[in-house]
Amino acid sequence: VVPPGDVTALSRALGVALADAAEGCGQSSP
């Protein structure tokens, strides 16, 4: 979860989520 309206935090969180999805780790681990 990121603060509402915080575009920078959203961008960072989405970047991490996409990287995790590509690697199958973190929040995207099985």
Full PDB file with SEQRES, HELIX, SHEET, SSBOND, CRYST1, ORIGX, SCALE, CONECT and MASTER records, all heavy atoms in Angstrom:
SEQRES   1 A   30  VAL VAL PRO PRO GLY ASP VAL THR ALA LEU SER ARG ALA          
SEQRES   2 A   30  LEU GLY VAL ALA LEU ALA ASP ALA ALA GLU GLY CYS GLY          
SEQRES   3 A   30  GLN SER SER PRO                                              
HELIX    1 AA1 VAL A    7  GLU A   23  1                                  17    
HELIX    2 AA2 GLY A   26  SER A   28  5                                   3    
CRYST1    1.000    1.000    1.000  90.00  90.00  90.00 P 1           1          
ORIGX1      1.000000  0.000000  0.000000        0.00000                         
ORIGX2      0.000000  1.000000  0.000000        0.00000                         
ORIGX3      0.000000  0.000000  1.000000        0.00000                         
SCALE1      1.000000  0.000000  0.000000        0.00000                         
SCALE2      0.000000  1.000000  0.000000        0.00000                         
SCALE3      0.000000  0.000000  1.000000        0.00000                         
ATOM      1  N   VAL A   1       0.844  -1.185   0.000  1.00  0.00           N  
ATOM      2  CA  VAL A   1       0.000   0.000   0.000  1.00  0.00           C  
ATOM      3  C   VAL A   1       0.881   1.238   0.000  1.00  0.00           C  
ATOM      4  O   VAL A   1       1.937   1.258   0.636  1.00  0.00           O  
ATOM      5  CB  VAL A   1      -1.000   0.010   1.176  1.00  0.00           C  
ATOM      6  CG1 VAL A   1      -2.036  -1.093   1.026  1.00  0.00           C  
ATOM      7  CG2 VAL A   1      -0.303  -0.113   2.510  1.00  0.00           C  
ATOM      8  N   VAL A   2       0.463   2.236  -0.756  1.00  0.00           N  
ATOM      9  CA  VAL A   2       1.212   3.484  -0.862  1.00  0.00           C  
ATOM     10  C   VAL A   2       0.282   4.640  -0.529  1.00  0.00           C  
ATOM     11  O   VAL A   2      -0.938   4.540  -0.709  1.00  0.00           O  
ATOM     12  CB  VAL A   2       1.805   3.661  -2.284  1.00  0.00           C  
ATOM     13  CG1 VAL A   2       2.797   2.554  -2.591  1.00  0.00           C  
ATOM     14  CG2 VAL A   2       0.734   3.705  -3.343  1.00  0.00           C  
ATOM     15  N   PRO A   3       0.847   5.733  -0.031  1.00  0.00           N  
ATOM     16  CA  PRO A   3       0.000   6.879   0.316  1.00  0.00           C  
ATOM     17  C   PRO A   3      -0.794   7.370  -0.894  1.00  0.00           C  
ATOM     18  O   PRO A   3      -0.243   7.492  -1.994  1.00  0.00           O  
ATOM     19  CB  PRO A   3       1.011   7.942   0.768  1.00  0.00           C  
ATOM     20  CG  PRO A   3       2.225   7.168   1.180  1.00  0.00           C  
ATOM     21  CD  PRO A   3       2.264   5.974   0.272  1.00  0.00           C  
ATOM     22  N   PRO A   4      -2.073   7.644  -0.708  1.00  0.00           N  
ATOM     23  CA  PRO A   4      -2.882   8.163  -1.817  1.00  0.00           C  
ATOM     24  C   PRO A   4      -2.271   9.448  -2.386  1.00  0.00           C  
ATOM     25  O   PRO A   4      -1.823  10.309  -1.635  1.00  0.00           O  
ATOM     26  CB  PRO A   4      -4.243   8.453  -1.177  1.00  0.00           C  
ATOM     27  CG  PRO A   4      -4.277   7.606   0.054  1.00  0.00           C  
ATOM     28  CD  PRO A   4      -2.851   7.513   0.527  1.00  0.00           C  
ATOM     29  N   GLY A   5      -2.215   9.526  -3.690  1.00  0.00           N  
ATOM     30  CA  GLY A   5      -1.712  10.731  -4.341  1.00  0.00           C  
ATOM     31  C   GLY A   5      -0.202  10.828  -4.427  1.00  0.00           C  
ATOM     32  O   GLY A   5       0.314  11.766  -5.021  1.00  0.00           O  
ATOM     33  N   ASP A   6       0.534   9.885  -3.863  1.00  0.00           N  
ATOM     34  CA  ASP A   6       1.994   9.913  -3.882  1.00  0.00           C  
ATOM     35  C   ASP A   6       2.485   9.160  -5.115  1.00  0.00           C  
ATOM     36  O   ASP A   6       2.703   7.952  -5.090  1.00  0.00           O  
ATOM     37  CB  ASP A   6       2.558   9.296  -2.603  1.00  0.00           C  
ATOM     38  CG  ASP A   6       4.059   9.469  -2.472  1.00  0.00           C  
ATOM     39  OD1 ASP A   6       4.747   9.660  -3.502  1.00  0.00           O  
ATOM     40  OD2 ASP A   6       4.550   9.394  -1.328  1.00  0.00           O  
ATOM     41  N   VAL A   7       2.647   9.891  -6.206  1.00  0.00           N  
ATOM     42  CA  VAL A   7       3.019   9.296  -7.480  1.00  0.00           C  
ATOM     43  C   VAL A   7       4.388   8.639  -7.408  1.00  0.00           C  
ATOM     44  O   VAL A   7       4.612   7.565  -7.979  1.00  0.00           O  
ATOM     45  CB  VAL A   7       2.971  10.364  -8.600  1.00  0.00           C  
ATOM     46  CG1 VAL A   7       3.460   9.804  -9.924  1.00  0.00           C  
ATOM     47  CG2 VAL A   7       1.568  10.920  -8.731  1.00  0.00           C  
ATOM     48  N   THR A   8       5.305   9.242  -6.685  1.00  0.00           N  
ATOM     49  CA  THR A   8       6.658   8.682  -6.559  1.00  0.00           C  
ATOM     50  C   THR A   8       6.613   7.341  -5.843  1.00  0.00           C  
ATOM     51  O   THR A   8       7.234   6.370  -6.288  1.00  0.00           O  
ATOM     52  CB  THR A   8       7.586   9.664  -5.821  1.00  0.00           C  
ATOM     53  OG1 THR A   8       7.605  10.906  -6.530  1.00  0.00           O  
ATOM     54  CG2 THR A   8       8.998   9.118  -5.710  1.00  0.00           C  
ATOM     55  N   ALA A   9       5.874   7.265  -4.741  1.00  0.00           N  
ATOM     56  CA  ALA A   9       5.759   6.000  -4.002  1.00  0.00           C  
ATOM     57  C   ALA A   9       5.067   4.939  -4.855  1.00  0.00           C  
ATOM     58  O   ALA A   9       5.478   3.770  -4.844  1.00  0.00           O  
ATOM     59  CB  ALA A   9       4.998   6.214  -2.696  1.00  0.00           C  
ATOM     60  N   LEU A  10       4.056   5.337  -5.597  1.00  0.00           N  
ATOM     61  CA  LEU A  10       3.358   4.393  -6.466  1.00  0.00           C  
ATOM     62  C   LEU A  10       4.303   3.877  -7.550  1.00  0.00           C  
ATOM     63  O   LEU A  10       4.351   2.673  -7.818  1.00  0.00           O  
ATOM     64  CB  LEU A  10       2.134   5.053  -7.097  1.00  0.00           C  
ATOM     65  CG  LEU A  10       1.343   4.200  -8.093  1.00  0.00           C  
ATOM     66  CD1 LEU A  10       0.817   2.923  -7.418  1.00  0.00           C  
ATOM     67  CD2 LEU A  10       0.206   5.004  -8.696  1.00  0.00           C  
ATOM     68  N   SER A  11       5.061   4.774  -8.157  1.00  0.00           N  
ATOM     69  CA  SER A  11       6.001   4.390  -9.199  1.00  0.00           C  
ATOM     70  C   SER A  11       7.035   3.402  -8.660  1.00  0.00           C  
ATOM     71  O   SER A  11       7.330   2.387  -9.299  1.00  0.00           O  
ATOM     72  CB  SER A  11       6.696   5.633  -9.751  1.00  0.00           C  
ATOM     73  OG  SER A  11       7.652   5.272 -10.727  1.00  0.00           O  
ATOM     74  N   ARG A  12       7.567   3.692  -7.477  1.00  0.00           N  
ATOM     75  CA  ARG A  12       8.547   2.778  -6.859  1.00  0.00           C  
ATOM     76  C   ARG A  12       7.921   1.413  -6.569  1.00  0.00           C  
ATOM     77  O   ARG A  12       8.517   0.371  -6.853  1.00  0.00           O  
ATOM     78  CB  ARG A  12       9.087   3.378  -5.565  1.00  0.00           C  
ATOM     79  CG  ARG A  12      10.111   4.427  -5.758  1.00  0.00           C  
ATOM     80  CD  ARG A  12      10.779   4.778  -4.422  1.00  0.00           C  
ATOM     81  NE  ARG A  12      11.396   6.076  -4.544  1.00  0.00           N  
ATOM     82  CZ  ARG A  12      11.131   7.121  -3.792  1.00  0.00           C  
ATOM     83  NH1 ARG A  12      10.252   7.028  -2.809  1.00  0.00           N  
ATOM     84  NH2 ARG A  12      11.738   8.265  -3.986  1.00  0.00           N  
ATOM     85  N   ALA A  13       6.740   1.418  -5.976  1.00  0.00           N  
ATOM     86  CA  ALA A  13       6.080   0.158  -5.612  1.00  0.00           C  
ATOM     87  C   ALA A  13       5.769  -0.670  -6.856  1.00  0.00           C  
ATOM     88  O   ALA A  13       5.939  -1.893  -6.848  1.00  0.00           O  
ATOM     89  CB  ALA A  13       4.801   0.442  -4.823  1.00  0.00           C  
ATOM     90  N   LEU A  14       5.321  -0.020  -7.921  1.00  0.00           N  
ATOM     91  CA  LEU A  14       5.040  -0.743  -9.159  1.00  0.00           C  
ATOM     92  C   LEU A  14       6.325  -1.285  -9.782  1.00  0.00           C  
ATOM     93  O   LEU A  14       6.344  -2.407 -10.306  1.00  0.00           O  
ATOM     94  CB  LEU A  14       4.301   0.151 -10.149  1.00  0.00           C  
ATOM     95  CG  LEU A  14       2.862   0.485  -9.779  1.00  0.00           C  
ATOM     96  CD1 LEU A  14       2.298   1.534 -10.733  1.00  0.00           C  
ATOM     97  CD2 LEU A  14       1.998  -0.760  -9.748  1.00  0.00           C  
ATOM     98  N   GLY A  15       7.403  -0.511  -9.708  1.00  0.00           N  
ATOM     99  CA  GLY A  15       8.694  -0.978 -10.211  1.00  0.00           C  
ATOM    100  C   GLY A  15       9.165  -2.219  -9.479  1.00  0.00           C  
ATOM    101  O   GLY A  15       9.620  -3.195 -10.094  1.00  0.00           O  
ATOM    102  N   VAL A  16       9.046  -2.202  -8.157  1.00  0.00           N  
ATOM    103  CA  VAL A  16       9.424  -3.373  -7.356  1.00  0.00           C  
ATOM    104  C   VAL A  16       8.522  -4.553  -7.692  1.00  0.00           C  
ATOM    105  O   VAL A  16       8.988  -5.682  -7.865  1.00  0.00           O  
ATOM    106  CB  VAL A  16       9.372  -3.044  -5.838  1.00  0.00           C  
ATOM    107  CG1 VAL A  16       9.504  -4.300  -5.002  1.00  0.00           C  
ATOM    108  CG2 VAL A  16      10.457  -2.035  -5.478  1.00  0.00           C  
ATOM    109  N   ALA A  17       7.219  -4.301  -7.806  1.00  0.00           N  
ATOM    110  CA  ALA A  17       6.271  -5.376  -8.118  1.00  0.00           C  
ATOM    111  C   ALA A  17       6.584  -6.007  -9.471  1.00  0.00           C  
ATOM    112  O   ALA A  17       6.554  -7.237  -9.614  1.00  0.00           O  
ATOM    113  CB  ALA A  17       4.839  -4.848  -8.090  1.00  0.00           C  
ATOM    114  N   LEU A  18       6.903  -5.191 -10.467  1.00  0.00           N  
ATOM    115  CA  LEU A  18       7.239  -5.718 -11.792  1.00  0.00           C  
ATOM    116  C   LEU A  18       8.542  -6.502 -11.770  1.00  0.00           C  
ATOM    117  O   LEU A  18       8.647  -7.568 -12.389  1.00  0.00           O  
ATOM    118  CB  LEU A  18       7.303  -4.585 -12.813  1.00  0.00           C  
ATOM    119  CG  LEU A  18       5.961  -3.961 -13.172  1.00  0.00           C  
ATOM    120  CD1 LEU A  18       6.167  -2.693 -14.006  1.00  0.00           C  
ATOM    121  CD2 LEU A  18       5.081  -4.956 -13.902  1.00  0.00           C  
ATOM    122  N   ALA A  19       9.536  -5.990 -11.049  1.00  0.00           N  
ATOM    123  CA  ALA A  19      10.806  -6.709 -10.938  1.00  0.00           C  
ATOM    124  C   ALA A  19      10.603  -8.042 -10.209  1.00  0.00           C  
ATOM    125  O   ALA A  19      11.151  -9.075 -10.622  1.00  0.00           O  
ATOM    126  CB  ALA A  19      11.840  -5.846 -10.212  1.00  0.00           C  
ATOM    127  N   ASP A  20       9.825  -8.013  -9.134  1.00  0.00           N  
ATOM    128  CA  ASP A  20       9.527  -9.251  -8.395  1.00  0.00           C  
ATOM    129  C   ASP A  20       8.795 -10.253  -9.287  1.00  0.00           C  
ATOM    130  O   ASP A  20       9.081 -11.446  -9.245  1.00  0.00           O  
ATOM    131  CB  ASP A  20       8.678  -8.961  -7.159  1.00  0.00           C  
ATOM    132  CG  ASP A  20       9.460  -8.322  -6.028  1.00  0.00           C  
ATOM    133  OD1 ASP A  20      10.700  -8.198  -6.143  1.00  0.00           O  
ATOM    134  OD2 ASP A  20       8.823  -7.939  -5.025  1.00  0.00           O  
ATOM    135  N   ALA A  21       7.856  -9.762 -10.097  1.00  0.00           N  
ATOM    136  CA  ALA A  21       7.106 -10.655 -10.980  1.00  0.00           C  
ATOM    137  C   ALA A  21       8.042 -11.300 -11.991  1.00  0.00           C  
ATOM    138  O   ALA A  21       7.913 -12.493 -12.295  1.00  0.00           O  
ATOM    139  CB  ALA A  21       5.990  -9.888 -11.687  1.00  0.00           C  
ATOM    140  N   ALA A  22       8.994 -10.532 -12.520  1.00  0.00           N  
ATOM    141  CA  ALA A  22       9.939 -11.069 -13.510  1.00  0.00           C  
ATOM    142  C   ALA A  22      10.841 -12.130 -12.884  1.00  0.00           C  
ATOM    143  O   ALA A  22      11.201 -13.110 -13.536  1.00  0.00           O  
ATOM    144  CB  ALA A  22      10.777  -9.939 -14.092  1.00  0.00           C  
ATOM    145  N   GLU A  23      11.176 -11.944 -11.621  1.00  0.00           N  
ATOM    146  CA  GLU A  23      12.079 -12.874 -10.925  1.00  0.00           C  
ATOM    147  C   GLU A  23      11.334 -13.959 -10.148  1.00  0.00           C  
ATOM    148  O   GLU A  23      11.950 -14.921  -9.691  1.00  0.00           O  
ATOM    149  CB  GLU A  23      12.975 -12.096  -9.951  1.00  0.00           C  
ATOM    150  CG  GLU A  23      13.887 -11.098 -10.627  1.00  0.00           C  
ATOM    151  CD  GLU A  23      14.960 -11.782 -11.465  1.00  0.00           C  
ATOM    152  OE1 GLU A  23      15.462 -12.841 -11.048  1.00  0.00           O  
ATOM    153  OE2 GLU A  23      15.280 -11.245 -12.544  1.00  0.00           O  
ATOM    154  N   GLY A  24      10.031 -13.770  -9.938  1.00  0.00           N  
ATOM    155  CA  GLY A  24       9.266 -14.727  -9.135  1.00  0.00           C  
ATOM    156  C   GLY A  24       9.675 -14.709  -7.674  1.00  0.00           C  
ATOM    157  O   GLY A  24       9.705 -15.744  -7.006  1.00  0.00           O  
ATOM    158  N   CYS A  25       9.965 -13.505  -7.186  1.00  0.00           N  
ATOM    159  CA  CYS A  25      10.398 -13.386  -5.793  1.00  0.00           C  
ATOM    160  C   CYS A  25       9.550 -12.319  -5.090  1.00  0.00           C  
ATOM    161  O   CYS A  25       8.642 -11.744  -5.671  1.00  0.00           O  
ATOM    162  CB  CYS A  25      11.879 -13.038  -5.725  1.00  0.00           C  
ATOM    163  SG  CYS A  25      12.284 -11.433  -6.446  1.00  0.00           S  
ATOM    164  N   GLY A  26       9.856 -12.064  -3.830  1.00  0.00           N  
ATOM    165  CA  GLY A  26       9.136 -11.048  -3.069  1.00  0.00           C  
ATOM    166  C   GLY A  26       7.646 -11.314  -3.046  1.00  0.00           C  
ATOM    167  O   GLY A  26       7.209 -12.447  -2.839  1.00  0.00           O  
ATOM    168  N   GLN A  27       6.876 -10.280  -3.299  1.00  0.00           N  
ATOM    169  CA  GLN A  27       5.414 -10.393  -3.282  1.00  0.00           C  
ATOM    170  C   GLN A  27       4.905 -11.306  -4.403  1.00  0.00           C  
ATOM    171  O   GLN A  27       3.801 -11.812  -4.331  1.00  0.00           O  
ATOM    172  CB  GLN A  27       4.783  -9.004  -3.394  1.00  0.00           C  
ATOM    173  CG  GLN A  27       3.298  -8.989  -3.169  1.00  0.00           C  
ATOM    174  CD  GLN A  27       2.679  -7.624  -3.411  1.00  0.00           C  
ATOM    175  OE1 GLN A  27       3.324  -6.701  -3.887  1.00  0.00           O  
ATOM    176  NE2 GLN A  27       1.403  -7.501  -3.080  1.00  0.00           N  
ATOM    177  N   SER A  28       5.731 -11.529  -5.416  1.00  0.00           N  
ATOM    178  CA  SER A  28       5.333 -12.400  -6.531  1.00  0.00           C  
ATOM    179  C   SER A  28       5.914 -13.798  -6.438  1.00  0.00           C  
ATOM    180  O   SER A  28       5.827 -14.565  -7.395  1.00  0.00           O  
ATOM    181  CB  SER A  28       5.752 -11.761  -7.864  1.00  0.00           C  
ATOM    182  OG  SER A  28       4.944 -10.635  -8.125  1.00  0.00           O  
ATOM    183  N   SER A  29       6.494 -14.136  -5.296  1.00  0.00           N  
ATOM    184  CA  SER A  29       6.985 -15.510  -5.132  1.00  0.00           C  
ATOM    185  C   SER A  29       5.781 -16.442  -5.074  1.00  0.00           C  
ATOM    186  O   SER A  29       4.692 -16.042  -4.640  1.00  0.00           O  
ATOM    187  CB  SER A  29       7.816 -15.644  -3.859  1.00  0.00           C  
ATOM    188  OG  SER A  29       6.986 -15.584  -2.711  1.00  0.00           O  
ATOM    189  N   PRO A  30       5.954 -17.676  -5.506  1.00  0.00           N  
ATOM    190  CA  PRO A  30       4.826 -18.613  -5.452  1.00  0.00           C  
ATOM    191  C   PRO A  30       4.223 -18.729  -4.048  1.00  0.00           C  
ATOM    192  O   PRO A  30       3.008 -18.793  -3.899  1.00  0.00           O  
ATOM    193  CB  PRO A  30       5.437 -19.933  -5.913  1.00  0.00           C  
ATOM    194  CG  PRO A  30       6.593 -19.527  -6.768  1.00  0.00           C  
ATOM    195  CD  PRO A  30       7.129 -18.266  -6.144  1.00  0.00           C  
TER     196      PRO A  30                                                      
MASTER        0    0    0    2    0    0    0    6  195    1    0    3          
END                                                                             
